[in-house]
Amino acid sequence: MNPEVIIREAQSWLATPFRAHAKVKGDGVDCVNLALAIYQKAGILPADIVFPPYHIGSGAHLDLSAVAQFVIATRLFRLATAPFKTGDLLGFNLGKVIHHVGIYIERDNFVHCCQKAGVIFSRLDDPTWGKRLQAVWRPITKAS
């Protein structure tokens, strides 16, 4: 896994607006499709992997996380612990379950896509995100 490719690709998505179920740089993306796009550009995930259909607000009422189920089903990630590495997938609770993701960049910064802000960098020491972090998965590569 090449951290520079992940960082460069994440930066290229900045300011892309939020659009549910989309994956078009500069036009619209959501959090899971942003992660997929970055991992696909970095060669971590195959180009044909797509996230299953979901509802934006379903994290408030589901008992199982569609995000966690997807990550486990791909068999391309393993649970990780600190210190985090560039490219780690961060899973955040929104509602009852993990329903938001970001990709760890470096020095506690991560990239993600929010409904109101679009694609942005945020920090894990921001209480908004730090208290919601529930899981960290590391892509399985030959170097991990």
C-alpha atoms as a PDB file:
ATOM      1  CA  MET A   1       0.000   0.000   0.000  1.00  0.00           C
ATOM      2  CA  ASN A   2       1.476   3.315  -1.073  1.00  0.00           C
ATOM      3  CA  PRO A   3       0.576   6.063   1.442  1.00  0.00           C
ATOM      4  CA  GLU A   4       1.427   8.829  -1.040  1.00  0.00           C
ATOM      5  CA  VAL A   5      -1.128   7.538  -3.540  1.00  0.00           C
ATOM      6  CA  ILE A   6      -3.818   7.450  -0.842  1.00  0.00           C
ATOM      7  CA  ILE A   7      -2.999  10.973   0.343  1.00  0.00           C
ATOM      8  CA  ARG A   8      -2.861  12.368  -3.193  1.00  0.00           C
ATOM      9  CA  GLU A   9      -6.149  10.716  -4.171  1.00  0.00           C
ATOM     10  CA  ALA A  10      -7.850  11.902  -0.957  1.00  0.00           C
ATOM     11  CA  GLN A  11      -6.716  15.472  -1.651  1.00  0.00           C
ATOM     12  CA  SER A  12      -8.053  15.285  -5.204  1.00  0.00           C
ATOM     13  CA  TRP A  13     -11.572  14.631  -3.827  1.00  0.00           C
ATOM     14  CA  LEU A  14     -11.603  17.617  -1.433  1.00  0.00           C
ATOM     15  CA  ALA A  15     -14.629  19.917  -1.828  1.00  0.00           C
ATOM     16  CA  THR A  16     -16.584  17.330  -3.805  1.00  0.00           C
ATOM     17  CA  PRO A  17     -20.164  17.777  -2.566  1.00  0.00           C
ATOM     18  CA  PHE A  18     -22.132  15.060  -0.829  1.00  0.00           C
ATOM     19  CA  ARG A  19     -24.464  13.086  -3.027  1.00  0.00           C
ATOM     20  CA  ALA A  20     -25.949   9.829  -1.776  1.00  0.00           C
ATOM     21  CA  HIS A  21     -24.949   6.727  -3.751  1.00  0.00           C
ATOM     22  CA  ALA A  22     -22.689   8.715  -6.106  1.00  0.00           C
ATOM     23  CA  LYS A  23     -18.980   8.413  -6.930  1.00  0.00           C
ATOM     24  CA  VAL A  24     -18.090  11.277  -9.286  1.00  0.00           C
ATOM     25  CA  LYS A  25     -15.093  13.394  -8.325  1.00  0.00           C
ATOM     26  CA  GLY A  26     -16.015  17.077  -8.213  1.00  0.00           C
ATOM     27  CA  ASP A  27     -19.716  16.355  -8.690  1.00  0.00           C
ATOM     28  CA  GLY A  28     -20.875  14.145  -5.820  1.00  0.00           C
ATOM     29  CA  VAL A  29     -19.960  11.284  -3.508  1.00  0.00           C
ATOM     30  CA  ASP A  30     -20.937   9.748  -0.184  1.00  0.00           C
ATOM     31  CA  CYS A  31     -18.643   8.382   2.507  1.00  0.00           C
ATOM     32  CA  VAL A  32     -18.597   4.735   1.436  1.00  0.00           C
ATOM     33  CA  ASN A  33     -18.135   5.532  -2.230  1.00  0.00           C
ATOM     34  CA  LEU A  34     -15.341   7.970  -1.403  1.00  0.00           C
ATOM     35  CA  ALA A  35     -13.514   5.198   0.456  1.00  0.00           C
ATOM     36  CA  LEU A  36     -14.109   2.782  -2.425  1.00  0.00           C
ATOM     37  CA  ALA A  37     -12.808   5.306  -4.974  1.00  0.00           C
ATOM     38  CA  ILE A  38      -9.636   6.004  -2.998  1.00  0.00           C
ATOM     39  CA  TYR A  39      -8.941   2.315  -2.388  1.00  0.00           C
ATOM     40  CA  GLN A  40      -9.622   1.470  -6.029  1.00  0.00           C
ATOM     41  CA  LYS A  41      -7.281   4.227  -7.270  1.00  0.00           C
ATOM     42  CA  ALA A  42      -4.588   2.947  -4.876  1.00  0.00           C
ATOM     43  CA  GLY A  43      -5.039  -0.598  -6.161  1.00  0.00           C
ATOM     44  CA  ILE A  44      -6.240  -1.899  -2.779  1.00  0.00           C
ATOM     45  CA  LEU A  45      -9.734  -2.863  -3.924  1.00  0.00           C
ATOM     46  CA  PRO A  46     -10.776  -4.232  -7.307  1.00  0.00           C
ATOM     47  CA  ALA A  47     -12.620  -1.830  -9.597  1.00  0.00           C
ATOM     48  CA  ASP A  48     -15.720  -4.056  -9.715  1.00  0.00           C
ATOM     49  CA  ILE A  49     -16.502  -3.900  -5.980  1.00  0.00           C
ATOM     50  CA  VAL A  50     -19.601  -1.828  -5.220  1.00  0.00           C
ATOM     51  CA  PHE A  51     -21.276  -1.060  -1.913  1.00  0.00           C
ATOM     52  CA  PRO A  52     -24.718  -2.656  -1.617  1.00  0.00           C
ATOM     53  CA  PRO A  53     -27.845  -0.459  -1.646  1.00  0.00           C
ATOM     54  CA  TYR A  54     -28.472   1.386   1.612  1.00  0.00           C
ATOM     55  CA  HIS A  55     -30.521   4.207   3.119  1.00  0.00           C
ATOM     56  CA  ILE A  56     -28.707   7.268   4.451  1.00  0.00           C
ATOM     57  CA  GLY A  57     -30.580   7.358   7.754  1.00  0.00           C
ATOM     58  CA  SER A  58     -30.611   3.622   8.436  1.00  0.00           C
ATOM     59  CA  GLY A  59     -27.869   3.827  11.069  1.00  0.00           C
ATOM     60  CA  ALA A  60     -30.453   5.255  13.454  1.00  0.00           C
ATOM     61  CA  HIS A  61     -32.587   2.120  13.505  1.00  0.00           C
ATOM     62  CA  LEU A  62     -30.552  -0.861  12.297  1.00  0.00           C
ATOM     63  CA  ASP A  63     -29.149  -3.406  14.720  1.00  0.00           C
ATOM     64  CA  LEU A  64     -26.433  -4.529  12.293  1.00  0.00           C
ATOM     65  CA  SER A  65     -24.066  -2.225  10.468  1.00  0.00           C
ATOM     66  CA  ALA A  66     -24.193  -2.521   6.684  1.00  0.00           C
ATOM     67  CA  VAL A  67     -20.718  -0.975   6.624  1.00  0.00           C
ATOM     68  CA  ALA A  68     -19.224  -3.562   8.987  1.00  0.00           C
ATOM     69  CA  GLN A  69     -20.973  -6.391   7.143  1.00  0.00           C
ATOM     70  CA  PHE A  70     -19.545  -5.158   3.828  1.00  0.00           C
ATOM     71  CA  VAL A  71     -16.010  -4.809   5.214  1.00  0.00           C
ATOM     72  CA  ILE A  72     -16.134  -8.316   6.669  1.00  0.00           C
ATOM     73  CA  ALA A  73     -17.660  -9.809   3.511  1.00  0.00           C
ATOM     74  CA  THR A  74     -14.906  -8.456   1.247  1.00  0.00           C
ATOM     75  CA  ARG A  75     -12.252 -10.288   3.305  1.00  0.00           C
ATOM     76  CA  LEU A  76      -9.858  -7.547   2.240  1.00  0.00           C
ATOM     77  CA  PHE A  77      -9.525  -5.881   5.660  1.00  0.00           C
ATOM     78  CA  ARG A  78      -8.496  -6.900   9.158  1.00  0.00           C
ATOM     79  CA  LEU A  79      -9.141  -5.177  12.465  1.00  0.00           C
ATOM     80  CA  ALA A  80      -6.386  -2.735  13.369  1.00  0.00           C
ATOM     81  CA  THR A  81      -5.274  -0.998  16.524  1.00  0.00           C
ATOM     82  CA  ALA A  82      -3.302   2.169  17.186  1.00  0.00           C
ATOM     83  CA  PRO A  83      -1.016   3.425  15.960  1.00  0.00           C
ATOM     84  CA  PHE A  84      -3.119   3.870  12.866  1.00  0.00           C
ATOM     85  CA  LYS A  85      -1.540   3.869   9.411  1.00  0.00           C
ATOM     86  CA  THR A  86      -2.304   5.856   6.301  1.00  0.00           C
ATOM     87  CA  GLY A  87      -5.056   3.968   4.505  1.00  0.00           C
ATOM     88  CA  ASP A  88      -6.778   2.492   7.552  1.00  0.00           C
ATOM     89  CA  LEU A  89     -10.571   2.519   7.244  1.00  0.00           C
ATOM     90  CA  LEU A  90     -12.277   4.220  10.186  1.00  0.00           C
ATOM     91  CA  GLY A  91     -15.802   3.220  11.166  1.00  0.00           C
ATOM     92  CA  PHE A  92     -17.918   5.731  13.092  1.00  0.00           C
ATOM     93  CA  ASN A  93     -21.249   5.284  14.844  1.00  0.00           C
ATOM     94  CA  LEU A  94     -24.036   7.417  13.482  1.00  0.00           C
ATOM     95  CA  GLY A  95     -27.090   6.313  15.363  1.00  0.00           C
ATOM     96  CA  LYS A  96     -26.973   2.797  16.773  1.00  0.00           C
ATOM     97  CA  VAL A  97     -24.316   1.260  14.514  1.00  0.00           C
ATOM     98  CA  ILE A  98     -21.285   2.064  12.386  1.00  0.00           C
ATOM     99  CA  HIS A  99     -22.794   4.053   9.552  1.00  0.00           C
ATOM    100  CA  HIS A 100     -20.019   6.427   8.490  1.00  0.00           C
ATOM    101  CA  VAL A 101     -16.479   5.839   7.261  1.00  0.00           C
ATOM    102  CA  GLY A 102     -13.330   7.774   6.636  1.00  0.00           C
ATOM    103  CA  ILE A 103      -9.778   6.928   5.671  1.00  0.00           C
ATOM    104  CA  TYR A 104      -6.941   7.711   8.046  1.00  0.00           C
ATOM    105  CA  ILE A 105      -4.378   9.962   6.408  1.00  0.00           C
ATOM    106  CA  GLU A 106      -1.683  10.832   8.958  1.00  0.00           C
ATOM    107  CA  ARG A 107      -1.163  12.635  12.264  1.00  0.00           C
ATOM    108  CA  ASP A 108      -4.776  11.976  13.369  1.00  0.00           C
ATOM    109  CA  ASN A 109      -6.237  13.459  10.176  1.00  0.00           C
ATOM    110  CA  PHE A 110      -8.735  11.542   8.085  1.00  0.00           C
ATOM    111  CA  VAL A 111     -10.719  12.172   4.919  1.00  0.00           C
ATOM    112  CA  HIS A 112     -14.460  11.587   4.736  1.00  0.00           C
ATOM    113  CA  CYS A 113     -17.631  12.935   3.186  1.00  0.00           C
ATOM    114  CA  CYS A 114     -20.371  14.593   5.247  1.00  0.00           C
ATOM    115  CA  GLN A 115     -23.828  15.575   4.083  1.00  0.00           C
ATOM    116  CA  LYS A 116     -23.402  19.298   4.772  1.00  0.00           C
ATOM    117  CA  ALA A 117     -19.676  19.765   4.062  1.00  0.00           C
ATOM    118  CA  GLY A 118     -18.872  17.300   1.302  1.00  0.00           C
ATOM    119  CA  VAL A 119     -15.374  15.818   1.227  1.00  0.00           C
ATOM    120  CA  ILE A 120     -13.198  17.245   3.970  1.00  0.00           C
ATOM    121  CA  PHE A 121     -10.321  16.409   6.253  1.00  0.00           C
ATOM    122  CA  SER A 122     -11.188  16.087   9.943  1.00  0.00           C
ATOM    123  CA  ARG A 123      -9.263  15.124  13.048  1.00  0.00           C
ATOM    124  CA  LEU A 124      -9.711  12.210  15.401  1.00  0.00           C
ATOM    125  CA  ASP A 125      -9.081  14.498  18.371  1.00  0.00           C
ATOM    126  CA  ASP A 126     -12.248  16.414  17.432  1.00  0.00           C
ATOM    127  CA  PRO A 127     -14.810  15.135  19.954  1.00  0.00           C
ATOM    128  CA  THR A 128     -17.441  14.947  17.226  1.00  0.00           C
ATOM    129  CA  TRP A 129     -15.497  12.111  15.621  1.00  0.00           C
ATOM    130  CA  GLY A 130     -13.224  10.756  18.334  1.00  0.00           C
ATOM    131  CA  LYS A 131     -16.107   9.671  20.545  1.00  0.00           C
ATOM    132  CA  ARG A 132     -17.865   7.982  17.608  1.00  0.00           C
ATOM    133  CA  LEU A 133     -14.912   5.926  16.362  1.00  0.00           C
ATOM    134  CA  GLN A 134     -15.931   2.290  16.806  1.00  0.00           C
ATOM    135  CA  ALA A 135     -13.701   0.251  14.516  1.00  0.00           C
ATOM    136  CA  VAL A 136     -10.538   0.525  12.485  1.00  0.00           C
ATOM    137  CA  TRP A 137      -9.824  -1.858   9.646  1.00  0.00           C
ATOM    138  CA  ARG A 138      -6.519  -2.171   7.813  1.00  0.00           C
ATOM    139  CA  PRO A 139      -6.510  -3.202   4.161  1.00  0.00           C
ATOM    140  CA  ILE A 140      -4.840  -6.569   3.740  1.00  0.00           C
ATOM    141  CA  THR A 141      -1.898  -6.130   1.419  1.00  0.00           C
ATOM    142  CA  LYS A 142       1.388  -7.963   1.026  1.00  0.00           C
ATOM    143  CA  ALA A 143       3.064  -5.224   3.097  1.00  0.00           C
ATOM    144  CA  SER A 144       0.526  -5.213   5.967  1.00  0.00           C
END
